N, C-alpha and C. Protein backbone atom coordinates (compact mmCIF):
# COMPACT_ATOMS: atom_id res chain seq x y z
N MET A 1 18.47 159.66 362.12
CA MET A 1 18.64 159.01 363.39
C MET A 1 19.95 158.22 363.36
N GLU A 2 20.74 158.38 364.35
CA GLU A 2 22.01 157.67 364.48
C GLU A 2 21.75 156.23 364.91
N PRO A 3 22.59 155.29 364.47
CA PRO A 3 22.42 153.89 364.89
C PRO A 3 22.42 153.72 366.40
N SER A 4 23.17 154.53 367.11
CA SER A 4 23.22 154.42 368.57
C SER A 4 21.90 154.84 369.22
N GLN A 5 21.03 155.54 368.48
CA GLN A 5 19.75 155.99 369.02
C GLN A 5 18.63 154.97 368.80
N ILE A 6 18.88 153.93 368.03
CA ILE A 6 17.85 152.94 367.74
C ILE A 6 17.70 151.99 368.93
N ASN A 7 16.46 151.78 369.35
CA ASN A 7 16.15 150.88 370.45
C ASN A 7 16.44 149.44 370.00
N PRO A 8 17.36 148.73 370.67
CA PRO A 8 17.69 147.37 370.24
C PRO A 8 16.55 146.38 370.48
N ASN A 9 15.58 146.74 371.31
CA ASN A 9 14.44 145.87 371.60
C ASN A 9 13.22 146.19 370.73
N PHE A 10 13.38 147.09 369.77
CA PHE A 10 12.26 147.50 368.92
C PHE A 10 11.76 146.30 368.11
N ARG A 11 10.45 146.16 368.04
CA ARG A 11 9.83 145.06 367.30
C ARG A 11 8.87 145.60 366.26
N CYS A 12 8.75 144.88 365.15
CA CYS A 12 7.84 145.27 364.07
C CYS A 12 7.21 144.02 363.49
N GLY A 13 5.94 144.12 363.08
CA GLY A 13 5.29 142.97 362.48
C GLY A 13 4.00 143.33 361.78
N TYR A 14 3.54 142.39 360.96
CA TYR A 14 2.30 142.53 360.21
C TYR A 14 1.23 141.63 360.82
N VAL A 15 0.02 142.19 360.98
CA VAL A 15 -1.12 141.44 361.50
C VAL A 15 -2.25 141.55 360.48
N CYS A 16 -2.68 140.42 359.94
CA CYS A 16 -3.76 140.38 358.96
C CYS A 16 -5.07 140.07 359.69
N ILE A 17 -6.12 140.82 359.38
CA ILE A 17 -7.45 140.59 359.96
C ILE A 17 -8.34 140.04 358.85
N ILE A 18 -8.80 138.78 359.03
CA ILE A 18 -9.67 138.16 358.03
C ILE A 18 -10.97 137.70 358.68
N GLY A 19 -11.95 137.43 357.86
CA GLY A 19 -13.24 136.92 358.32
C GLY A 19 -14.30 137.16 357.26
N GLU A 20 -15.50 136.71 357.55
CA GLU A 20 -16.61 136.89 356.62
C GLU A 20 -16.96 138.37 356.51
N PRO A 21 -17.75 138.73 355.52
CA PRO A 21 -18.20 140.13 355.41
C PRO A 21 -18.99 140.56 356.65
N ASN A 22 -18.77 141.78 357.07
CA ASN A 22 -19.52 142.43 358.15
C ASN A 22 -19.38 141.77 359.52
N VAL A 23 -18.22 141.18 359.81
CA VAL A 23 -18.00 140.66 361.16
C VAL A 23 -17.33 141.70 362.05
N GLY A 24 -16.85 142.82 361.47
CA GLY A 24 -16.26 143.87 362.27
C GLY A 24 -14.76 144.05 362.09
N LYS A 25 -14.22 143.55 361.00
CA LYS A 25 -12.77 143.65 360.75
C LYS A 25 -12.30 145.10 360.69
N SER A 26 -13.02 145.92 359.95
CA SER A 26 -12.63 147.33 359.80
C SER A 26 -12.79 148.08 361.12
N THR A 27 -13.86 147.79 361.85
CA THR A 27 -14.07 148.43 363.15
C THR A 27 -12.95 148.06 364.12
N LEU A 28 -12.55 146.79 364.11
CA LEU A 28 -11.45 146.36 364.98
C LEU A 28 -10.17 147.10 364.64
N MET A 29 -9.83 147.18 363.35
CA MET A 29 -8.60 147.88 362.99
C MET A 29 -8.67 149.35 363.39
N ASN A 30 -9.78 150.01 363.11
CA ASN A 30 -9.92 151.42 363.48
C ASN A 30 -9.75 151.60 364.99
N THR A 31 -10.31 150.68 365.77
CA THR A 31 -10.20 150.76 367.23
C THR A 31 -8.76 150.55 367.68
N LEU A 32 -8.09 149.56 367.13
CA LEU A 32 -6.70 149.28 367.52
C LEU A 32 -5.76 150.43 367.14
N ILE A 33 -6.00 151.04 365.99
CA ILE A 33 -5.16 152.14 365.52
C ILE A 33 -5.50 153.43 366.25
N GLY A 34 -6.77 153.57 366.63
CA GLY A 34 -7.20 154.81 367.27
C GLY A 34 -7.57 155.89 366.28
N GLN A 35 -7.81 155.50 365.03
CA GLN A 35 -8.19 156.43 363.96
C GLN A 35 -9.15 155.73 363.02
N LYS A 36 -9.96 156.52 362.32
CA LYS A 36 -10.85 155.94 361.32
C LYS A 36 -10.08 155.86 360.00
N ILE A 37 -9.52 154.69 359.75
CA ILE A 37 -8.75 154.46 358.53
C ILE A 37 -9.60 153.69 357.52
N SER A 38 -10.28 152.66 358.00
CA SER A 38 -11.14 151.86 357.13
C SER A 38 -12.58 152.35 357.21
N ILE A 39 -13.27 152.31 356.09
CA ILE A 39 -14.69 152.68 356.06
C ILE A 39 -15.49 151.59 356.77
N VAL A 40 -16.45 151.99 357.59
CA VAL A 40 -17.31 151.06 358.30
C VAL A 40 -18.75 151.33 357.89
N THR A 41 -19.40 150.32 357.29
CA THR A 41 -20.81 150.43 356.91
C THR A 41 -21.48 149.08 357.14
N ASP A 42 -22.80 149.06 357.04
CA ASP A 42 -23.55 147.81 357.12
C ASP A 42 -23.53 147.06 355.80
N LYS A 43 -23.04 147.69 354.76
CA LYS A 43 -23.03 147.09 353.42
C LYS A 43 -21.85 146.12 353.30
N PRO A 44 -22.12 144.85 352.98
CA PRO A 44 -21.02 143.90 352.79
C PRO A 44 -20.11 144.32 351.63
N GLN A 45 -18.85 143.92 351.74
CA GLN A 45 -17.84 144.15 350.71
C GLN A 45 -17.51 145.62 350.50
N THR A 46 -17.60 146.42 351.56
CA THR A 46 -17.17 147.82 351.47
C THR A 46 -15.65 147.87 351.29
N THR A 47 -14.93 147.01 352.01
CA THR A 47 -13.48 146.91 351.85
C THR A 47 -13.21 146.03 350.63
N ARG A 48 -12.60 146.61 349.62
CA ARG A 48 -12.39 145.87 348.37
C ARG A 48 -10.93 145.50 348.13
N HIS A 49 -10.04 146.03 348.91
CA HIS A 49 -8.62 145.67 348.83
C HIS A 49 -8.07 145.82 350.24
N LYS A 50 -6.87 145.33 350.47
CA LYS A 50 -6.34 145.43 351.83
C LYS A 50 -6.06 146.89 352.16
N ILE A 51 -6.39 147.25 353.39
CA ILE A 51 -6.17 148.59 353.92
C ILE A 51 -5.12 148.47 355.02
N LEU A 52 -4.10 149.30 354.97
CA LEU A 52 -3.04 149.27 355.98
C LEU A 52 -3.31 150.29 357.06
N GLY A 53 -3.13 149.87 358.30
CA GLY A 53 -3.20 150.77 359.45
C GLY A 53 -1.96 150.53 360.29
N ILE A 54 -1.31 151.58 360.73
CA ILE A 54 -0.04 151.44 361.45
C ILE A 54 -0.17 151.98 362.86
N LEU A 55 0.24 151.16 363.81
CA LEU A 55 0.28 151.54 365.22
C LEU A 55 1.74 151.45 365.64
N SER A 56 2.29 152.55 366.16
CA SER A 56 3.70 152.50 366.55
C SER A 56 3.98 153.40 367.75
N ASN A 57 5.03 153.03 368.44
CA ASN A 57 5.60 153.85 369.51
C ASN A 57 7.09 153.54 369.58
N GLU A 58 7.74 153.87 370.67
CA GLU A 58 9.19 153.66 370.77
C GLU A 58 9.56 152.18 370.87
N GLN A 59 8.62 151.34 371.28
CA GLN A 59 8.88 149.92 371.50
C GLN A 59 8.55 149.03 370.30
N PHE A 60 7.53 149.44 369.51
CA PHE A 60 7.07 148.55 368.44
C PHE A 60 6.38 149.32 367.32
N GLN A 61 6.21 148.61 366.21
CA GLN A 61 5.38 149.08 365.11
C GLN A 61 4.60 147.87 364.60
N ILE A 62 3.27 148.00 364.59
CA ILE A 62 2.41 146.94 364.08
C ILE A 62 1.68 147.47 362.86
N ILE A 63 1.79 146.74 361.78
CA ILE A 63 1.07 147.10 360.55
C ILE A 63 -0.11 146.14 360.44
N PHE A 64 -1.32 146.69 360.58
CA PHE A 64 -2.53 145.89 360.47
C PHE A 64 -3.00 145.90 359.02
N LEU A 65 -3.45 144.75 358.54
CA LEU A 65 -3.97 144.61 357.19
C LEU A 65 -5.45 144.25 357.30
N ASP A 66 -6.32 145.21 357.02
CA ASP A 66 -7.76 144.97 356.98
C ASP A 66 -8.08 144.42 355.59
N THR A 67 -8.81 143.32 355.52
CA THR A 67 -9.03 142.64 354.24
C THR A 67 -10.51 142.60 353.86
N PRO A 68 -10.80 142.36 352.58
CA PRO A 68 -12.19 142.15 352.18
C PRO A 68 -12.77 140.92 352.88
N GLY A 69 -14.07 140.93 353.10
CA GLY A 69 -14.73 139.78 353.71
C GLY A 69 -14.63 138.55 352.82
N LEU A 70 -14.37 137.41 353.46
CA LEU A 70 -14.19 136.16 352.72
C LEU A 70 -15.54 135.62 352.26
N LEU A 71 -15.61 135.24 351.00
CA LEU A 71 -16.83 134.64 350.44
C LEU A 71 -16.48 133.85 349.20
N LYS A 72 -17.46 133.10 348.68
CA LYS A 72 -17.26 132.40 347.42
C LYS A 72 -17.41 133.42 346.30
N PRO A 73 -16.36 133.68 345.53
CA PRO A 73 -16.46 134.70 344.48
C PRO A 73 -17.43 134.27 343.38
N LYS A 74 -18.29 135.23 343.00
CA LYS A 74 -19.27 134.97 341.95
C LYS A 74 -18.93 135.72 340.66
N TYR A 75 -18.03 136.68 340.76
CA TYR A 75 -17.61 137.42 339.57
C TYR A 75 -16.17 137.87 339.76
N LEU A 76 -15.59 138.44 338.73
CA LEU A 76 -14.16 138.73 338.69
C LEU A 76 -13.69 139.67 339.81
N LEU A 77 -14.46 140.70 340.12
CA LEU A 77 -14.06 141.62 341.20
C LEU A 77 -13.96 140.88 342.52
N GLN A 78 -14.93 140.02 342.82
CA GLN A 78 -14.88 139.26 344.07
C GLN A 78 -13.69 138.30 344.08
N LYS A 79 -13.36 137.74 342.95
CA LYS A 79 -12.18 136.86 342.88
C LYS A 79 -10.92 137.65 343.20
N ALA A 80 -10.80 138.84 342.65
CA ALA A 80 -9.64 139.69 342.94
C ALA A 80 -9.60 140.06 344.42
N MET A 81 -10.77 140.30 345.01
CA MET A 81 -10.83 140.64 346.43
C MET A 81 -10.38 139.46 347.29
N MET A 82 -10.77 138.24 346.92
CA MET A 82 -10.36 137.05 347.67
C MET A 82 -8.86 136.81 347.49
N ASP A 83 -8.35 137.06 346.31
CA ASP A 83 -6.90 136.94 346.09
C ASP A 83 -6.14 137.92 346.99
N ALA A 84 -6.68 139.13 347.14
CA ALA A 84 -6.04 140.13 348.01
C ALA A 84 -6.06 139.68 349.46
N ALA A 85 -7.16 139.08 349.90
CA ALA A 85 -7.26 138.59 351.28
C ALA A 85 -6.26 137.47 351.53
N HIS A 86 -6.15 136.53 350.59
CA HIS A 86 -5.21 135.43 350.75
C HIS A 86 -3.76 135.93 350.69
N ALA A 87 -3.48 136.89 349.84
CA ALA A 87 -2.13 137.46 349.78
C ALA A 87 -1.78 138.15 351.09
N ALA A 88 -2.74 138.84 351.69
CA ALA A 88 -2.49 139.51 352.97
C ALA A 88 -2.17 138.49 354.06
N MET A 89 -2.85 137.34 354.04
CA MET A 89 -2.54 136.28 355.01
C MET A 89 -1.10 135.81 354.84
N ASN A 90 -0.68 135.66 353.60
CA ASN A 90 0.68 135.20 353.35
C ASN A 90 1.72 136.24 353.74
N ASP A 91 1.39 137.52 353.61
CA ASP A 91 2.31 138.60 353.95
C ASP A 91 2.46 138.81 355.46
N ALA A 92 1.47 138.38 356.22
CA ALA A 92 1.41 138.70 357.65
C ALA A 92 2.30 137.78 358.48
N ASP A 93 2.65 138.29 359.66
CA ASP A 93 3.36 137.48 360.65
C ASP A 93 2.37 136.76 361.55
N VAL A 94 1.20 137.37 361.74
CA VAL A 94 0.13 136.85 362.60
C VAL A 94 -1.19 137.10 361.89
N VAL A 95 -2.15 136.18 362.05
CA VAL A 95 -3.47 136.33 361.45
C VAL A 95 -4.53 136.36 362.55
N ILE A 96 -5.43 137.34 362.45
CA ILE A 96 -6.61 137.38 363.31
C ILE A 96 -7.77 136.90 362.46
N PHE A 97 -8.41 135.79 362.88
CA PHE A 97 -9.58 135.27 362.19
C PHE A 97 -10.80 135.67 363.01
N MET A 98 -11.59 136.58 362.48
CA MET A 98 -12.71 137.15 363.22
C MET A 98 -14.02 136.49 362.80
N VAL A 99 -14.83 136.12 363.79
CA VAL A 99 -16.15 135.56 363.53
C VAL A 99 -17.20 136.34 364.30
N ASP A 100 -18.43 136.21 363.85
CA ASP A 100 -19.58 136.90 364.44
C ASP A 100 -20.24 135.95 365.44
N ALA A 101 -20.30 136.33 366.72
CA ALA A 101 -20.91 135.49 367.74
C ALA A 101 -22.40 135.25 367.47
N LEU A 102 -23.03 136.17 366.75
CA LEU A 102 -24.45 136.02 366.45
C LEU A 102 -24.69 135.07 365.28
N ASP A 103 -23.63 134.64 364.61
CA ASP A 103 -23.71 133.73 363.47
C ASP A 103 -22.71 132.59 363.69
N PRO A 104 -22.93 131.77 364.77
CA PRO A 104 -21.92 130.77 365.13
C PRO A 104 -21.69 129.71 364.06
N LYS A 105 -22.66 129.48 363.18
CA LYS A 105 -22.48 128.49 362.12
C LYS A 105 -21.75 129.08 360.93
N MET A 106 -21.47 130.36 360.99
CA MET A 106 -20.80 131.06 359.89
C MET A 106 -21.53 130.75 358.59
N GLU A 107 -22.76 131.21 358.50
CA GLU A 107 -23.63 130.85 357.39
C GLU A 107 -23.47 131.72 356.15
N ALA A 108 -22.48 132.56 356.11
CA ALA A 108 -22.26 133.39 354.91
C ALA A 108 -21.90 132.49 353.73
N ASP A 109 -21.98 133.05 352.56
CA ASP A 109 -21.67 132.31 351.33
C ASP A 109 -20.15 132.21 351.19
N ILE A 110 -19.59 131.25 351.90
CA ILE A 110 -18.14 131.10 351.95
C ILE A 110 -17.80 129.61 351.99
N ASP A 111 -16.72 129.24 351.39
CA ASP A 111 -16.25 127.86 351.43
C ASP A 111 -15.32 127.73 352.62
N HIS A 112 -15.87 127.28 353.75
CA HIS A 112 -15.10 127.22 354.99
C HIS A 112 -13.89 126.29 354.87
N ASP A 113 -14.03 125.21 354.12
CA ASP A 113 -12.90 124.30 353.95
C ASP A 113 -11.71 125.02 353.31
N VAL A 114 -11.99 125.87 352.34
CA VAL A 114 -10.92 126.63 351.67
C VAL A 114 -10.24 127.57 352.66
N VAL A 115 -11.05 128.24 353.50
CA VAL A 115 -10.49 129.17 354.49
C VAL A 115 -9.62 128.42 355.49
N PHE A 116 -10.14 127.33 356.05
CA PHE A 116 -9.39 126.59 357.06
C PHE A 116 -8.14 125.95 356.45
N GLU A 117 -8.23 125.50 355.22
CA GLU A 117 -7.05 124.96 354.55
C GLU A 117 -5.99 126.05 354.36
N ALA A 118 -6.42 127.23 353.97
CA ALA A 118 -5.48 128.35 353.79
C ALA A 118 -4.84 128.72 355.13
N LEU A 119 -5.63 128.72 356.20
CA LEU A 119 -5.08 129.04 357.53
C LEU A 119 -4.06 127.99 357.96
N ASN A 120 -4.31 126.73 357.65
CA ASN A 120 -3.36 125.67 358.00
C ASN A 120 -2.08 125.77 357.18
N LYS A 121 -2.19 126.17 355.93
CA LYS A 121 -1.02 126.23 355.04
C LYS A 121 -0.05 127.36 355.39
N ILE A 122 -0.55 128.45 355.95
CA ILE A 122 0.33 129.60 356.15
C ILE A 122 1.35 129.37 357.26
N ASN A 123 1.08 128.41 358.16
CA ASN A 123 2.03 128.06 359.21
C ASN A 123 2.45 129.29 360.02
N LYS A 124 1.44 130.06 360.44
CA LYS A 124 1.66 131.26 361.25
C LYS A 124 0.67 131.23 362.41
N PRO A 125 0.95 131.97 363.47
CA PRO A 125 -0.04 132.03 364.56
C PRO A 125 -1.35 132.63 364.06
N VAL A 126 -2.46 131.98 364.44
CA VAL A 126 -3.80 132.46 364.09
C VAL A 126 -4.57 132.63 365.39
N PHE A 127 -5.13 133.82 365.57
CA PHE A 127 -5.93 134.12 366.75
C PHE A 127 -7.39 134.20 366.34
N LEU A 128 -8.25 133.47 367.04
CA LEU A 128 -9.68 133.54 366.80
C LEU A 128 -10.25 134.66 367.64
N VAL A 129 -10.92 135.62 367.00
CA VAL A 129 -11.55 136.73 367.70
C VAL A 129 -13.05 136.62 367.46
N ILE A 130 -13.81 136.52 368.55
CA ILE A 130 -15.26 136.41 368.47
C ILE A 130 -15.84 137.79 368.75
N ASN A 131 -16.56 138.33 367.79
CA ASN A 131 -17.09 139.69 367.87
C ASN A 131 -18.60 139.67 368.06
N LYS A 132 -19.14 140.81 368.43
CA LYS A 132 -20.58 141.03 368.60
C LYS A 132 -21.17 140.16 369.70
N VAL A 133 -20.46 140.05 370.81
CA VAL A 133 -20.93 139.25 371.94
C VAL A 133 -21.77 140.06 372.92
N ASP A 134 -21.81 141.39 372.74
CA ASP A 134 -22.53 142.22 373.70
C ASP A 134 -23.97 142.42 373.37
């Protein structure tokens, strides 16, 4: 592609999707991308590392980062999964924080203070997405 053919208004960015296990992060990414990229099951912690999904056209390219569900790690694999989720937040330009409308107290085994502190530290736009409202 010649430089003269590049759209000067083209935009690109990373969007990280975080939240507790089974709030619908993978389903959201699959829907936004229009393809089944992430596995969707009722089993928590199906996503064990960040999954990339890319949506692009002539105007933009958005790289979505689907992350493991946030929880208090009880063993080494879960710690690695939480490290991957936090790294994805740091890599992103925008963060989507997804919660389950049916679980408004967010009663999963997660340290909410750690999550909110991490969200405050990244100094990036964070969008709250409330899922399962239907």
